Amino acid sequence: MKTGTCTHPAVASALRYGYAPVMLLGVNGAGIAVAAAGAPKLWLLVLLAAAVALSFAVERLIPYTPDWNTGHDDAGRDRIHAMVNETLILASVAAIPLLAATVPTAALWPTRWPFLLQVLAAILVADLGITLVHYASHHIGALWRFHAVHHSLRRMYGLNGLMKHPLHQTIEMTAGVAPLILLGLPVNVASALALAVAVQLLLQHSNADYRVGRLTYLLALNEGHRFHHLKWAGVGDVNFGLFTLLWDHALGTFSYDPARRFTTDDLGMAAKPHYPHRYWAQLIEPFKRSGACHSQPSPTALGHSDNRPPQPVAPAR
């Protein structure tokens, strides 16, 4: 497959099959080691910066769609979204000691487990809470108003994993982290989890044409997540997981077709193609009367060629 670059075939192949392991095992592994050792949190920020730089580099060396590496007058907006929402994630970690001192906890966290297992347990619990809120955001109008900001994107690349309304980001993170805090989650485990969330968002929305084989059916990575961003109501209500697709298999919302290719024309919201583009306008839009989209397109809209998916993908049951 052409990559749209002059990348040597051997290098392209190494990146295609090595990029995800480096991010999932290398960057996260280093973060777990840093957090377990109680090293300064600054090192986690260094790892995050390295992950972002690697994400951008690989997207340019083996792009899924070269056009998605070009700014669609959205780069500045996406950087603001990323800075605001990553700050919210870090703030939630910093707030854990205060919450632990003021909110009664069950002290049930398995502190005697190996640190790696504690982080994996935290990921699975957070994944469930975030997935359920994500699912609800596609079915409850009040939540969809805020989640629609994320679905207005017209290209997929690592940074726009954090293109979210800050209120929706807060709701998702609360659903993922609150149960952990009530169980007595240690701050160092939370720090490793925060890095894992950021790495996962980079991978999930990546424009890199990387592969993970059969793990595509288990891990919530970019090959499966593109189906979630199909612009037609109902068709894109699939693959809600952040870390895994376990809960999607349980909910019957998993969908994947390895033959499907995506373009810019497949993304966005068919019911609202002129959704605000600028950052401040996107923050305000959910509070306006016009800020919600219909959960299903009207019969009139379905008769319009732009609202009918050319290749509908039904959720695998």
Protein backbone atom coordinates (compact mmCIF):
# COMPACT_ATOMS: atom_id res chain seq x y z
CA MET A 1 0.00 0.00 0.00
CA LYS A 2 1.31 3.44 -0.87
CA THR A 3 2.11 5.62 2.08
CA GLY A 4 2.21 8.92 0.25
CA THR A 5 5.85 9.44 1.28
CA CYS A 6 9.31 8.35 0.15
CA THR A 7 9.74 6.15 3.21
CA HIS A 8 11.87 3.11 2.44
CA PRO A 9 9.70 -0.05 2.32
CA ALA A 10 11.70 -1.74 5.09
CA VAL A 11 11.40 1.32 7.33
CA ALA A 12 7.70 1.64 6.54
CA SER A 13 7.12 -2.02 7.45
CA ALA A 14 9.05 -1.65 10.72
CA LEU A 15 6.99 1.40 11.63
CA ARG A 16 3.72 -0.21 10.56
CA TYR A 17 4.15 -3.16 12.91
CA GLY A 18 6.41 -1.58 15.53
CA TYR A 19 4.76 1.75 16.26
CA ALA A 20 1.86 0.48 18.39
CA PRO A 21 4.08 -1.80 20.55
CA VAL A 22 6.51 1.09 21.13
CA MET A 23 3.66 3.32 22.31
CA LEU A 24 1.66 0.73 24.25
CA LEU A 25 4.57 -1.14 25.81
CA GLY A 26 7.50 1.26 25.53
CA VAL A 27 6.02 4.64 26.47
CA ASN A 28 3.46 3.22 28.89
CA GLY A 29 6.05 0.84 30.31
CA ALA A 30 8.42 3.72 30.96
CA GLY A 31 5.59 5.66 32.58
CA ILE A 32 4.74 2.74 34.83
CA ALA A 33 8.39 2.44 35.86
CA VAL A 34 8.58 6.18 36.62
CA ALA A 35 5.35 6.14 38.62
CA ALA A 36 6.28 2.96 40.52
CA ALA A 37 9.63 4.47 41.52
CA GLY A 38 7.96 7.63 42.78
CA ALA A 39 10.10 9.73 40.45
CA PRO A 40 9.15 13.39 39.82
CA LYS A 41 5.96 13.72 37.74
CA LEU A 42 7.93 15.91 35.33
CA TRP A 43 9.28 12.71 33.78
CA LEU A 44 5.74 11.69 32.86
CA LEU A 45 5.33 15.00 31.03
CA VAL A 46 8.60 14.31 29.20
CA LEU A 47 7.26 10.91 28.15
CA LEU A 48 4.02 12.51 27.00
CA ALA A 49 5.91 15.07 24.91
CA ALA A 50 7.98 12.25 23.38
CA ALA A 51 4.80 10.31 22.58
CA VAL A 52 3.25 13.33 20.84
CA ALA A 53 6.43 13.93 18.82
CA LEU A 54 6.61 10.26 17.82
CA SER A 55 2.94 10.32 16.85
CA PHE A 56 3.41 13.26 14.50
CA ALA A 57 6.58 11.76 12.99
CA VAL A 58 5.05 8.35 12.25
CA GLU A 59 1.91 9.92 10.80
CA ARG A 60 4.11 11.61 8.24
CA LEU A 61 6.23 8.57 7.47
CA ILE A 62 3.35 6.07 7.05
CA PRO A 63 0.14 8.10 6.72
CA TYR A 64 -3.20 6.37 6.32
CA THR A 65 -4.36 9.39 4.31
CA PRO A 66 -1.68 11.99 3.46
CA ASP A 67 -4.34 14.71 3.29
CA TRP A 68 -5.09 14.27 7.00
CA ASN A 69 -1.56 15.43 7.81
CA THR A 70 -2.40 18.81 6.30
CA GLY A 71 -4.14 21.37 8.48
CA HIS A 72 -7.81 21.91 7.59
CA ASP A 73 -7.75 25.30 9.30
CA ASP A 74 -8.07 23.34 12.54
CA ALA A 75 -4.53 22.92 13.90
CA GLY A 76 -4.66 25.91 16.26
CA ARG A 77 -8.10 24.95 17.54
CA ASP A 78 -7.02 21.36 18.15
CA ARG A 79 -3.93 22.49 20.08
CA ILE A 80 -6.15 24.54 22.40
CA HIS A 81 -8.49 21.58 22.90
CA ALA A 82 -5.50 19.35 23.63
CA MET A 83 -3.91 21.74 26.14
CA VAL A 84 -7.18 22.38 27.99
CA ASN A 85 -8.25 18.75 28.17
CA GLU A 86 -4.82 17.34 29.01
CA THR A 87 -4.64 19.92 31.81
CA LEU A 88 -7.98 18.59 33.08
CA ILE A 89 -6.60 15.05 33.08
CA LEU A 90 -3.49 16.11 35.00
CA ALA A 91 -5.60 18.18 37.40
CA SER A 92 -7.74 15.14 38.17
CA VAL A 93 -4.60 13.25 39.18
CA ALA A 94 -3.35 16.15 41.31
CA ALA A 95 -6.72 16.32 43.06
CA ILE A 96 -6.65 12.70 44.24
CA PRO A 97 -4.83 13.38 47.56
CA LEU A 98 -7.33 16.14 48.37
CA LEU A 99 -10.28 13.92 47.45
CA ALA A 100 -8.85 11.04 49.46
CA ALA A 101 -8.67 13.31 52.50
CA THR A 102 -12.22 14.64 52.16
CA VAL A 103 -14.22 11.80 50.55
CA PRO A 104 -14.72 8.52 52.45
CA THR A 105 -13.12 5.64 50.54
CA ALA A 106 -13.50 1.90 50.92
CA ALA A 107 -9.74 1.27 51.06
CA LEU A 108 -10.31 -1.77 48.85
CA TRP A 109 -7.60 -1.02 46.34
CA PRO A 110 -5.25 -4.05 45.96
CA THR A 111 -2.08 -2.22 47.04
CA ARG A 112 -0.24 -5.51 47.52
CA TRP A 113 -0.58 -6.46 43.88
CA PRO A 114 2.44 -5.86 41.62
CA PHE A 115 2.36 -2.27 40.40
CA LEU A 116 1.85 -3.33 36.78
CA LEU A 117 -1.28 -5.30 37.69
CA GLN A 118 -2.61 -2.32 39.65
CA VAL A 119 -2.25 -0.11 36.57
CA LEU A 120 -3.92 -2.71 34.34
CA ALA A 121 -6.80 -3.00 36.84
CA ALA A 122 -7.18 0.78 36.86
CA ILE A 123 -7.25 0.82 33.04
CA LEU A 124 -10.01 -1.80 32.90
CA VAL A 125 -12.18 -0.03 35.49
CA ALA A 126 -11.68 3.37 33.85
CA ASP A 127 -12.36 1.85 30.44
CA LEU A 128 -15.77 0.60 31.60
CA GLY A 129 -16.85 3.95 33.07
CA ILE A 130 -15.65 5.97 30.08
CA THR A 131 -17.20 3.53 27.59
CA LEU A 132 -20.59 3.70 29.27
CA VAL A 133 -20.59 7.52 29.29
CA HIS A 134 -19.47 7.50 25.67
CA TYR A 135 -22.31 5.12 24.79
CA ALA A 136 -24.81 7.25 26.70
CA SER A 137 -23.54 10.37 24.91
CA HIS A 138 -24.78 8.95 21.62
CA HIS A 139 -28.24 8.20 23.03
CA ILE A 140 -29.02 11.03 25.46
CA GLY A 141 -29.55 14.44 23.90
CA ALA A 142 -28.15 16.48 26.78
CA LEU A 143 -24.86 14.59 26.62
CA TRP A 144 -24.76 14.54 22.81
CA ARG A 145 -24.84 18.35 22.73
CA PHE A 146 -21.37 18.35 24.31
CA HIS A 147 -20.03 15.20 22.67
CA ALA A 148 -20.93 16.57 19.22
CA VAL A 149 -17.87 18.82 19.43
CA HIS A 150 -15.67 15.73 19.08
CA HIS A 151 -17.67 14.38 16.16
CA SER A 152 -17.35 17.59 14.17
CA LEU A 153 -13.77 16.68 13.21
CA ARG A 154 -13.10 16.27 9.48
CA ARG A 155 -9.79 14.43 9.66
CA MET A 156 -8.29 11.92 12.05
CA TYR A 157 -4.82 12.42 13.51
CA GLY A 158 -3.34 11.87 16.94
CA LEU A 159 -3.91 15.30 18.46
CA ASN A 160 -7.67 15.41 17.86
CA GLY A 161 -8.22 12.59 20.33
CA LEU A 162 -8.39 15.47 22.82
CA MET A 163 -10.69 17.60 20.66
CA LYS A 164 -13.54 17.52 23.17
CA HIS A 165 -15.74 19.97 24.98
CA PRO A 166 -14.11 20.36 28.43
CA LEU A 167 -17.42 19.62 30.19
CA HIS A 168 -17.79 16.35 28.33
CA GLN A 169 -14.15 15.51 29.00
CA THR A 170 -14.81 16.12 32.71
CA ILE A 171 -17.90 13.89 32.69
CA GLU A 172 -16.03 11.06 30.98
CA MET A 173 -13.03 11.26 33.28
CA THR A 174 -15.26 11.44 36.34
CA ALA A 175 -17.05 8.27 35.26
CA GLY A 176 -13.72 6.55 34.72
CA VAL A 177 -11.82 7.78 37.77
CA ALA A 178 -14.48 8.27 40.49
CA PRO A 179 -14.97 4.52 41.10
CA LEU A 180 -11.19 4.14 41.38
CA ILE A 181 -10.93 6.97 43.91
CA LEU A 182 -13.72 5.42 45.99
CA LEU A 183 -11.74 2.18 45.99
CA GLY A 184 -8.67 4.02 47.28
CA LEU A 185 -6.62 4.45 44.09
CA PRO A 186 -3.02 5.49 44.91
CA VAL A 187 -1.73 8.66 43.28
CA ASN A 188 1.19 6.91 41.55
CA VAL A 189 -1.20 4.44 39.88
CA ALA A 190 -3.37 7.38 38.81
CA SER A 191 -0.32 9.07 37.28
CA ALA A 192 0.47 6.01 35.17
CA LEU A 193 -3.20 5.83 34.16
CA ALA A 194 -3.19 9.48 33.06
CA LEU A 195 -0.25 8.86 30.73
CA ALA A 196 -1.93 5.72 29.39
CA VAL A 197 -5.08 7.72 28.57
CA ALA A 198 -3.05 10.29 26.61
CA VAL A 199 -1.11 7.60 24.72
CA GLN A 200 -4.33 5.77 23.91
CA LEU A 201 -5.96 8.88 22.48
CA LEU A 202 -2.92 9.46 20.27
CA LEU A 203 -3.12 5.90 18.96
CA GLN A 204 -6.90 5.77 18.66
CA HIS A 205 -7.16 8.80 16.38
CA SER A 206 -3.81 8.35 14.65
CA ASN A 207 -3.38 8.96 10.94
CA ALA A 208 -0.53 6.43 10.93
CA ASP A 209 -1.23 3.31 8.87
CA TYR A 210 -0.05 0.95 11.62
CA ARG A 211 -1.27 -2.63 12.18
CA VAL A 212 -1.87 -4.84 15.20
CA GLY A 213 -3.30 -7.95 13.53
CA ARG A 214 -6.05 -9.78 15.40
CA LEU A 215 -5.70 -7.36 18.32
CA THR A 216 -7.82 -5.01 16.20
CA TYR A 217 -10.80 -6.95 17.56
CA LEU A 218 -9.73 -6.40 21.18
CA LEU A 219 -7.91 -3.07 21.48
CA ALA A 220 -9.64 0.24 20.78
CA LEU A 221 -7.16 1.52 18.19
CA ASN A 222 -7.45 3.57 15.02
CA GLU A 223 -8.54 0.84 12.57
CA GLY A 224 -11.70 0.24 14.57
CA HIS A 225 -12.22 3.77 15.84
CA ARG A 226 -12.58 5.19 12.34
CA PHE A 227 -15.93 3.38 12.13
CA HIS A 228 -17.04 5.36 15.19
CA HIS A 229 -16.47 8.60 13.30
CA LEU A 230 -18.63 7.75 10.28
CA LYS A 231 -20.83 10.79 9.94
CA TRP A 232 -24.23 9.11 9.54
CA ALA A 233 -26.42 8.80 12.65
CA GLY A 234 -26.75 5.20 13.75
CA VAL A 235 -23.94 3.98 11.50
CA GLY A 236 -21.26 5.59 13.69
CA ASP A 237 -22.79 4.43 16.97
CA VAL A 238 -20.18 1.68 17.33
CA ASN A 239 -16.80 1.00 18.96
CA PHE A 240 -17.20 3.22 22.03
CA GLY A 241 -14.28 1.83 24.07
CA LEU A 242 -11.26 3.93 24.98
CA PHE A 243 -8.75 1.21 25.83
CA THR A 244 -10.49 -2.00 24.79
CA LEU A 245 -13.44 -3.22 22.76
CA LEU A 246 -14.50 -5.69 25.47
CA TRP A 247 -17.52 -3.64 26.46
CA ASP A 248 -18.49 -3.07 22.81
CA HIS A 249 -18.59 -6.82 22.27
CA ALA A 250 -20.78 -7.09 25.39
CA LEU A 251 -23.06 -4.22 24.27
CA GLY A 252 -23.27 -5.50 20.69
CA THR A 253 -21.76 -2.28 19.35
CA PHE A 254 -18.56 -3.68 17.83
CA SER A 255 -18.12 -3.06 14.11
CA TYR A 256 -15.18 -3.66 11.80
CA ASP A 257 -14.60 -4.33 8.11
CA PRO A 258 -10.92 -4.61 7.08
CA ALA A 259 -11.79 -3.76 3.47
CA ARG A 260 -13.34 -0.39 4.30
CA ARG A 261 -11.36 2.73 3.41
CA PHE A 262 -12.11 6.17 4.86
CA THR A 263 -11.87 9.68 3.44
CA THR A 264 -12.65 13.14 4.76
CA ASP A 265 -16.10 12.86 3.18
CA ASP A 266 -16.95 10.03 5.61
CA LEU A 267 -16.26 12.10 8.75
CA GLY A 268 -18.15 14.77 10.64
CA MET A 269 -21.92 14.92 11.19
CA ALA A 270 -24.22 14.53 8.18
CA ALA A 271 -27.10 15.97 10.21
CA LYS A 272 -25.12 19.10 10.97
CA PRO A 273 -22.45 19.68 8.30
CA HIS A 274 -21.95 23.34 9.26
CA TYR A 275 -21.11 22.75 12.92
CA PRO A 276 -19.00 25.64 14.32
CA HIS A 277 -15.33 25.34 13.49
CA ARG A 278 -13.63 27.71 15.94
CA TYR A 279 -12.72 26.84 19.52
CA TRP A 280 -14.85 29.39 21.39
CA ALA A 281 -17.80 28.81 19.09
CA GLN A 282 -17.58 25.09 19.85
CA LEU A 283 -17.60 25.79 23.58
CA ILE A 284 -20.75 27.87 23.26
CA GLU A 285 -22.65 25.74 20.75
CA PRO A 286 -23.97 23.09 23.21
CA PHE A 287 -25.73 25.83 25.19
CA LYS A 288 -27.56 27.17 22.14
CA ARG A 289 -30.95 25.92 21.04
CA SER A 290 -29.39 24.80 17.77
CA GLY A 291 -26.62 22.93 19.54
CA ALA A 292 -28.12 19.43 19.40
CA CYS A 293 -28.36 17.12 16.42
CA HIS A 294 -31.17 14.66 15.94
CA SER A 295 -30.28 11.18 17.21
CA GLN A 296 -31.53 9.78 13.89
CA PRO A 297 -31.74 11.60 10.54
CA SER A 298 -35.21 12.55 9.42
CA PRO A 299 -36.80 10.78 6.41
CA THR A 300 -36.22 13.96 4.42
CA ALA A 301 -32.54 13.99 5.34
CA LEU A 302 -32.19 10.34 4.46
CA GLY A 303 -33.38 11.12 0.98
CA HIS A 304 -30.46 13.50 0.48
CA SER A 305 -27.39 11.92 -1.06
CA ASP A 306 -25.03 13.48 1.49
CA ASN A 307 -26.89 11.83 4.36
CA ARG A 308 -27.04 8.30 3.02
CA PRO A 309 -23.94 6.21 3.79
CA PRO A 310 -22.56 4.66 0.61
CA GLN A 311 -21.31 1.61 2.50
CA PRO A 312 -23.38 1.14 5.68
CA VAL A 313 -21.63 -0.95 8.30
CA ALA A 314 -23.99 -2.70 10.70
CA PRO A 315 -22.70 -3.43 14.20
CA ALA A 316 -21.47 -6.97 14.55
CA ARG A 317 -23.76 -8.82 16.99
